[in-house]
Amino acid sequence: MTMKTTPHISRRRFIATSAAAFAAPHILTAQKGSAPLIIGSGEHRYEVLHNWPQLPDKYSWQTTHNVAVDAEGLLYVIHEGRENLKDHPSIFVFDAEGKFVRAFGNQFQGGGHGLEVRTEGAQQFLYVSAYQQVKSFAKLTLKGETVWQKYAPMDSKLYAVGEDTAPKKRWGADAFMPTNFAFLPDGGFFLADGYGSFRIHRYDKDGNWLSMFGERGKGAGQLQTPHGIWMDTRPGREASVVVADRANKRLQWFTLEGKHLKTLDGFILPANVDSRGDVLLVPDLSARVTLLGKNDEVLVHLGEDPEWRAQVTKDGNKMRRSTTREEWVAGKFLHPHDACFDAAGNIHVAEWVDSGRITKLRKVS
């Protein structure tokens, strides 16, 4: 599927491409013994390592949300966390072997959501967004020290009184519910208000609000739960910002000034975006992870088959809250909420399930 500069791509064309990508076997069942479980096809085959990182006994998994990898290969995982467990950290760090390194982020308990690592000069920093009753975003060191923490941008004139000073667990178009970041080349960043105003806010490098774009709706350039956001700087194209427009079941691309460029339909509930080389990585909340090629064509759907997806989509709340995991099937995803590449091309997937699940997809082709 080749994309022109600014078209709206039909669901029919997306599905046709998906079918072609699915022609090869996607889940190779493991043989008896210790044979690895492999999913994918062609150049995009991965060994599935569910529940790969291990927490110390004193901590518990609490609805895993997002993942990020730093320059040294450490994996950061954020939980929504339980509001009544204020002394429990919401962010956990693991080494390249999945061993626990450290934990922090108690202040995000009950609302932990977005997580990104950014290199600024000679340092790396962790950017965190939180929704529910926390309603804030912050810049931290990789050890968890707070550089700054901010709340609703009242200069935008979008938010109710108190959203910046005394946030409460309240939903609505005038509530501030930030979900994810995309980093600009000038040092600033975009912040998606994915559960509140459905706007994309632009900030300078110090976290000062500058402007916003987007509006609530279903038309081109309009947004319904803009849950994920990413700078698309893949080779051969001008830099743009791509938004996982989740409730509209699509991706949308915008200029850095917020002008709509193009739309890609055919997703189920796209939750976030990452990239490596020519490949765009899209975790889809309803049971799969999708890889797109340099022309935004489907390369492969990982961890999905139609029957399993129908089961998860039909009774998603039951699957999300299943702490026994008895109904879970190896090699298949339930609710991928975020995913990211590491330097070796492996993929780390965080799923929106109450008992938490982090899967490493180790690249084998």
Protein backbone atom coordinates (compact mmCIF):
# COMPACT_ATOMS: atom_id res chain seq x y z
CA MET A 1 0.00 0.00 0.00
CA THR A 2 1.71 3.18 -1.19
CA MET A 3 0.65 6.45 0.38
CA LYS A 4 0.42 9.74 -1.43
CA THR A 5 1.13 13.01 0.29
CA THR A 6 -2.26 13.74 1.87
CA PRO A 7 -4.92 11.11 1.12
CA HIS A 8 -7.43 9.41 3.41
CA ILE A 9 -6.74 5.70 3.10
CA SER A 10 -9.75 3.45 3.02
CA ARG A 11 -10.37 0.62 5.44
CA ARG A 12 -10.83 -1.71 2.44
CA ARG A 13 -7.31 -1.07 1.18
CA PHE A 14 -5.89 -1.49 4.71
CA ILE A 15 -7.68 -4.82 5.17
CA ALA A 16 -6.52 -6.05 1.78
CA THR A 17 -2.94 -5.31 2.73
CA SER A 18 -3.49 -6.95 6.11
CA ALA A 19 -4.72 -10.12 4.42
CA ALA A 20 -1.60 -10.25 2.26
CA ALA A 21 0.60 -9.80 5.29
CA PHE A 22 -1.26 -12.63 7.02
CA ALA A 23 -0.74 -15.12 4.20
CA ALA A 24 2.36 -16.55 5.88
CA PRO A 25 2.01 -18.49 9.15
CA HIS A 26 1.98 -16.10 12.09
CA ILE A 27 2.15 -18.33 15.10
CA LEU A 28 4.47 -21.29 14.96
CA THR A 29 3.49 -23.56 17.81
CA ALA A 30 6.33 -24.80 19.94
CA GLN A 31 7.27 -28.47 19.64
CA LYS A 32 7.40 -30.71 22.68
CA GLY A 33 10.49 -29.95 24.71
CA SER A 34 12.17 -26.58 24.92
CA ALA A 35 11.58 -25.22 21.44
CA PRO A 36 10.91 -21.46 21.56
CA LEU A 37 7.54 -19.97 20.66
CA ILE A 38 7.96 -17.89 17.50
CA ILE A 39 5.43 -15.42 16.07
CA GLY A 40 5.57 -13.28 12.94
CA SER A 41 6.75 -14.02 9.43
CA GLY A 42 9.55 -13.30 6.97
CA GLU A 43 11.96 -10.68 8.25
CA HIS A 44 9.72 -9.99 11.24
CA ARG A 45 9.86 -13.10 13.39
CA TYR A 46 10.13 -12.94 17.17
CA GLU A 47 10.55 -15.32 20.08
CA VAL A 48 7.83 -14.68 22.67
CA LEU A 49 9.01 -14.19 26.25
CA HIS A 50 5.92 -13.44 28.34
CA ASN A 51 6.37 -12.05 31.87
CA TRP A 52 10.02 -11.54 31.07
CA PRO A 53 11.05 -9.04 33.80
CA GLN A 54 10.71 -10.17 37.39
CA LEU A 55 9.72 -8.02 40.37
CA PRO A 56 11.04 -8.56 43.91
CA ASP A 57 8.47 -10.13 46.22
CA LYS A 58 7.91 -6.85 48.10
CA TYR A 59 6.35 -5.29 44.95
CA SER A 60 3.34 -6.26 42.86
CA TRP A 61 2.29 -5.78 39.24
CA GLN A 62 -0.54 -3.21 39.05
CA THR A 63 -2.07 -2.65 35.59
CA THR A 64 0.99 -2.15 33.41
CA HIS A 65 0.69 0.81 31.04
CA ASN A 66 3.81 1.98 29.18
CA VAL A 67 7.43 1.02 28.53
CA ALA A 68 10.62 2.82 27.45
CA VAL A 69 14.27 1.84 26.94
CA ASP A 70 17.27 4.06 27.70
CA ALA A 71 20.62 4.28 25.90
CA GLU A 72 22.15 1.64 28.16
CA GLY A 73 19.38 -0.84 27.41
CA LEU A 74 17.53 -0.53 30.71
CA LEU A 75 13.77 -1.08 30.47
CA TYR A 76 11.40 1.30 32.32
CA VAL A 77 7.84 0.18 33.08
CA ILE A 78 5.08 2.40 34.47
CA HIS A 79 1.96 1.12 36.21
CA GLU A 80 -1.25 2.98 36.75
CA GLY A 81 -0.80 1.84 40.33
CA ARG A 82 -3.34 1.64 43.13
CA GLU A 83 -4.32 4.89 44.78
CA ASN A 84 -4.58 3.23 48.19
CA LEU A 85 -0.96 2.02 48.00
CA LYS A 86 0.81 5.38 48.12
CA ASP A 87 4.07 3.88 49.39
CA HIS A 88 4.31 1.53 46.41
CA PRO A 89 6.34 2.79 43.42
CA SER A 90 4.70 3.06 40.01
CA ILE A 91 7.90 2.89 37.90
CA PHE A 92 10.20 -0.12 37.76
CA VAL A 93 13.54 -0.50 35.99
CA PHE A 94 15.03 -3.76 34.65
CA ASP A 95 18.33 -4.63 33.00
CA ALA A 96 18.81 -6.31 29.63
CA GLU A 97 18.35 -9.74 31.26
CA GLY A 98 15.05 -8.76 32.91
CA LYS A 99 16.55 -8.42 36.38
CA PHE A 100 15.16 -5.76 38.71
CA VAL A 101 17.36 -2.65 39.10
CA ARG A 102 15.36 0.01 40.97
CA ALA A 103 11.90 1.48 41.56
CA PHE A 104 10.46 4.95 42.17
CA GLY A 105 7.52 7.17 41.25
CA ASN A 106 5.18 6.86 44.25
CA GLN A 107 3.68 10.24 43.30
CA PHE A 108 2.07 8.70 40.21
CA GLN A 109 0.22 5.93 42.04
CA GLY A 110 -3.38 5.80 40.89
CA GLY A 111 -2.71 7.55 37.58
CA GLY A 112 0.61 6.47 36.03
CA HIS A 113 0.31 6.35 32.25
CA GLY A 114 2.81 7.69 29.66
CA LEU A 115 6.55 7.10 29.79
CA GLU A 116 9.39 8.14 27.47
CA VAL A 117 13.19 8.44 27.73
CA ARG A 118 14.81 11.45 26.06
CA THR A 119 18.49 12.30 25.59
CA GLU A 120 19.26 15.98 26.14
CA GLY A 121 22.91 16.81 25.57
CA ALA A 122 24.96 14.42 27.66
CA GLN A 123 22.05 13.42 29.93
CA GLN A 124 18.96 11.27 29.67
CA PHE A 125 15.65 12.10 31.29
CA LEU A 126 12.38 10.31 31.91
CA TYR A 127 9.14 12.04 30.91
CA VAL A 128 6.01 10.82 32.71
CA SER A 129 2.32 11.61 32.24
CA ALA A 130 -0.41 10.67 34.69
CA TYR A 131 -4.21 10.73 34.48
CA GLN A 132 -7.10 9.81 36.85
CA GLN A 133 -6.76 11.87 40.05
CA VAL A 134 -3.05 12.66 39.53
CA LYS A 135 -3.52 14.73 36.30
CA SER A 136 0.03 15.91 35.76
CA PHE A 137 3.19 15.44 33.72
CA ALA A 138 6.77 15.50 34.86
CA LYS A 139 10.43 15.37 33.91
CA LEU A 140 12.59 13.08 36.04
CA THR A 141 16.17 11.89 36.11
CA LEU A 142 16.64 8.21 35.32
CA LYS A 143 17.07 7.63 39.06
CA GLY A 144 13.67 9.19 39.77
CA GLU A 145 14.55 12.68 41.01
CA THR A 146 11.98 15.27 39.91
CA VAL A 147 13.27 18.06 37.64
CA TRP A 148 9.79 19.59 37.33
CA GLN A 149 6.18 18.49 37.58
CA LYS A 150 3.30 20.42 35.99
CA TYR A 151 -0.47 20.31 35.79
CA ALA A 152 -3.21 21.53 33.42
CA PRO A 153 -2.21 24.35 31.03
CA MET A 154 -4.79 26.93 32.09
CA ASP A 155 -3.55 29.37 29.41
CA SER A 156 -5.28 27.10 26.89
CA LYS A 157 -8.68 28.15 28.34
CA LEU A 158 -9.87 24.54 28.10
CA TYR A 159 -9.91 23.36 31.68
CA ALA A 160 -12.13 23.73 34.72
CA VAL A 161 -11.02 25.69 37.77
CA GLY A 162 -8.84 23.55 40.01
CA GLU A 163 -7.43 21.26 37.33
CA ASP A 164 -4.01 22.85 37.87
CA THR A 165 -4.11 23.25 41.65
CA ALA A 166 -6.39 20.61 43.17
CA PRO A 167 -7.02 17.89 40.57
CA LYS A 168 -9.65 15.32 41.40
CA LYS A 169 -10.63 12.05 39.76
CA ARG A 170 -13.10 13.61 37.36
CA TRP A 171 -13.53 12.91 33.64
CA GLY A 172 -14.80 15.26 30.95
CA ALA A 173 -13.83 17.56 28.08
CA ASP A 174 -12.68 20.19 30.61
CA ALA A 175 -10.57 17.69 32.59
CA PHE A 176 -6.80 17.33 32.05
CA MET A 177 -5.93 13.69 31.37
CA PRO A 178 -2.50 13.58 29.65
CA THR A 179 -1.45 10.31 28.08
CA ASN A 180 1.79 10.50 26.03
CA PHE A 181 4.65 12.62 24.64
CA ALA A 182 6.34 13.29 21.31
CA PHE A 183 9.65 15.18 21.28
CA LEU A 184 10.38 18.11 18.96
CA PRO A 185 13.80 18.87 17.45
CA ASP A 186 13.92 22.31 19.13
CA GLY A 187 13.91 20.72 22.59
CA GLY A 188 10.21 21.16 23.14
CA PHE A 189 7.53 18.47 23.06
CA PHE A 190 3.93 17.63 22.26
CA LEU A 191 1.67 16.25 24.99
CA ALA A 192 -1.53 14.41 24.09
CA ASP A 193 -4.52 15.02 26.35
CA GLY A 194 -5.93 11.67 25.33
CA TYR A 195 -8.69 11.26 27.90
CA GLY A 196 -9.69 14.88 28.54
CA SER A 197 -9.90 17.70 26.00
CA PHE A 198 -8.68 15.51 23.08
CA ARG A 199 -6.14 18.23 22.18
CA ILE A 200 -2.45 18.00 21.39
CA HIS A 201 -0.54 20.59 23.45
CA ARG A 202 2.82 22.04 22.46
CA TYR A 203 5.40 23.00 25.11
CA ASP A 204 8.87 24.52 25.04
CA LYS A 205 11.94 22.76 26.45
CA ASP A 206 11.19 23.99 29.97
CA GLY A 207 7.62 22.72 29.97
CA ASN A 208 5.95 26.06 29.27
CA TRP A 209 2.72 25.85 27.26
CA LEU A 210 2.86 27.41 23.78
CA SER A 211 -0.11 26.26 21.67
CA MET A 212 -2.38 23.36 20.78
CA PHE A 213 -4.08 21.68 17.84
CA GLY A 214 -6.87 19.20 17.16
CA GLU A 215 -10.51 19.15 18.13
CA ARG A 216 -13.07 16.58 19.20
CA GLY A 217 -14.75 14.73 16.33
CA LYS A 218 -14.56 12.07 13.64
CA GLY A 219 -13.55 14.09 10.57
CA ALA A 220 -10.10 14.50 9.06
CA GLY A 221 -7.87 16.23 11.60
CA GLN A 222 -10.39 15.68 14.40
CA LEU A 223 -9.68 13.39 17.33
CA GLN A 224 -11.47 10.93 19.60
CA THR A 225 -9.17 9.73 22.39
CA PRO A 226 -5.78 10.75 20.91
CA HIS A 227 -4.10 8.25 23.18
CA GLY A 228 -0.63 7.90 21.64
CA ILE A 229 1.68 10.31 19.84
CA TRP A 230 5.06 10.02 18.13
CA MET A 231 7.44 12.03 15.94
CA ASP A 232 7.62 10.25 12.59
CA THR A 233 11.16 10.91 11.37
CA ARG A 234 11.59 7.79 9.27
CA PRO A 235 14.03 8.12 6.34
CA GLY A 236 12.81 9.76 3.15
CA ARG A 237 9.97 11.79 4.64
CA GLU A 238 9.58 15.20 6.22
CA ALA A 239 9.21 15.06 9.99
CA SER A 240 5.60 14.93 11.15
CA VAL A 241 3.69 13.97 14.26
CA VAL A 242 1.58 10.81 14.12
CA VAL A 243 -1.34 10.41 16.51
CA ALA A 244 -2.93 7.13 17.58
CA ASP A 245 -6.53 8.34 17.31
CA ARG A 246 -7.81 5.41 19.30
CA ALA A 247 -11.60 5.73 19.43
CA ASN A 248 -11.63 6.64 15.72
CA LYS A 249 -9.67 3.42 15.05
CA ARG A 250 -6.98 5.13 12.97
CA LEU A 251 -3.63 6.87 12.79
CA GLN A 252 -3.43 10.50 11.69
CA TRP A 253 -0.37 12.48 10.61
CA PHE A 254 0.05 16.23 11.17
CA THR A 255 2.68 18.86 10.41
CA LEU A 256 4.55 20.27 13.40
CA GLU A 257 2.15 23.22 13.19
CA GLY A 258 -0.86 20.93 13.51
CA LYS A 259 -2.04 20.80 9.89
CA HIS A 260 -3.62 17.47 8.96
CA LEU A 261 -1.62 15.49 6.39
CA LYS A 262 -3.12 12.02 6.08
CA THR A 263 -5.16 9.30 7.74
CA LEU A 264 -4.70 5.55 7.92
CA ASP A 265 -7.82 3.54 8.84
CA GLY A 266 -8.23 -0.15 9.60
CA PHE A 267 -7.04 -0.42 13.21
CA ILE A 268 -9.05 -1.74 16.13
CA LEU A 269 -8.00 0.52 19.03
CA PRO A 270 -4.49 1.85 18.27
CA ALA A 271 -2.91 2.87 21.55
CA ASN A 272 0.57 4.20 20.82
CA VAL A 273 3.38 4.43 18.25
CA ASP A 274 7.14 3.83 18.10
CA SER A 275 9.59 3.50 15.21
CA ARG A 276 12.92 1.97 14.23
CA GLY A 277 14.42 2.56 10.81
CA ASP A 278 11.60 2.34 8.26
CA VAL A 279 9.26 0.42 10.57
CA LEU A 280 6.39 1.92 12.56
CA LEU A 281 5.26 -0.07 15.61
CA VAL A 282 1.61 0.20 16.66
CA PRO A 283 0.32 -1.62 19.77
CA ASP A 284 -3.43 -2.12 19.35
CA LEU A 285 -5.42 -2.40 22.57
CA SER A 286 -7.70 -5.07 21.14
CA ALA A 287 -5.28 -7.92 20.95
CA ARG A 288 -2.44 -7.34 18.50
CA VAL A 289 0.74 -5.46 17.68
CA THR A 290 1.12 -4.17 14.11
CA LEU A 291 4.27 -3.33 12.16
CA LEU A 292 3.98 -0.88 9.25
CA GLY A 293 6.59 -0.47 6.50
CA LYS A 294 8.14 2.63 4.98
CA ASN A 295 5.02 3.36 2.93
CA ASP A 296 2.77 2.61 5.92
CA GLU A 297 1.80 -0.78 4.50
CA VAL A 298 1.11 -3.61 6.94
CA LEU A 299 4.15 -5.84 7.34
CA VAL A 300 2.73 -8.14 10.00
CA HIS A 301 0.21 -8.39 12.84
CA LEU A 302 1.81 -10.01 15.89
CA GLY A 303 0.05 -12.05 18.55
CA GLU A 304 -3.39 -12.10 16.93
CA ASP A 305 -5.80 -14.41 15.20
CA PRO A 306 -9.44 -13.58 14.37
CA GLU A 307 -11.06 -15.99 16.87
CA TRP A 308 -8.87 -14.87 19.75
CA ARG A 309 -9.35 -11.18 18.93
CA ALA A 310 -13.13 -11.65 18.82
CA GLN A 311 -13.06 -13.31 22.24
CA VAL A 312 -10.91 -10.60 23.80
CA THR A 313 -12.90 -7.77 22.20
CA LYS A 314 -16.27 -9.26 23.20
CA ASP A 315 -15.40 -9.71 26.87
CA GLY A 316 -12.41 -7.43 27.30
CA ASN A 317 -13.15 -6.46 30.89
CA LYS A 318 -13.14 -10.08 31.99
CA MET A 319 -9.84 -10.70 30.23
CA ARG A 320 -8.29 -7.55 31.64
CA ARG A 321 -9.22 -8.48 35.19
CA SER A 322 -8.25 -12.14 34.97
CA THR A 323 -5.49 -12.41 37.56
CA THR A 324 -5.24 -16.20 37.35
CA ARG A 325 -4.18 -15.95 33.68
CA GLU A 326 -5.81 -19.33 33.05
CA GLU A 327 -7.56 -18.02 29.94
CA TRP A 328 -4.46 -16.42 28.47
CA VAL A 329 -2.82 -18.13 25.50
CA ALA A 330 0.95 -18.09 24.96
CA GLY A 331 1.94 -16.11 21.89
CA LYS A 332 -1.30 -14.11 21.83
CA PHE A 333 -1.87 -10.65 23.27
CA LEU A 334 -4.84 -9.43 25.28
CA HIS A 335 -4.57 -5.65 25.48
CA PRO A 336 -1.30 -4.14 24.20
CA HIS A 337 -1.27 -0.62 25.63
CA ASP A 338 2.28 0.37 24.66
CA ALA A 339 5.29 -1.12 22.89
CA CYS A 340 8.80 0.04 22.06
CA PHE A 341 11.87 -1.16 20.22
CA ASP A 342 15.27 -1.56 21.85
CA ALA A 343 18.62 -1.04 20.11
CA ALA A 344 18.76 -4.68 18.96
CA GLY A 345 15.33 -4.55 17.31
CA ASN A 346 13.56 -6.49 20.06
CA ILE A 347 10.09 -5.28 21.01
CA HIS A 348 8.85 -4.76 24.58
CA VAL A 349 5.07 -4.83 25.05
CA ALA A 350 3.08 -3.60 28.06
CA GLU A 351 -0.49 -4.85 28.38
CA TRP A 352 -3.43 -3.18 30.09
CA VAL A 353 -4.31 -6.00 32.47
CA ASP A 354 -4.85 -5.71 36.21
CA SER A 355 -2.19 -8.24 37.14
CA GLY A 356 0.27 -6.74 34.68
CA ARG A 357 2.12 -8.31 31.77
CA ILE A 358 5.35 -7.29 30.08
CA THR A 359 6.39 -9.35 27.08
CA LYS A 360 9.71 -9.28 25.30
CA LEU A 361 9.60 -10.18 21.62
CA ARG A 362 13.16 -11.19 20.85
CA LYS A 363 13.95 -10.65 17.19
CA VAL A 364 15.12 -13.86 15.50
CA SER A 365 15.07 -12.82 11.83
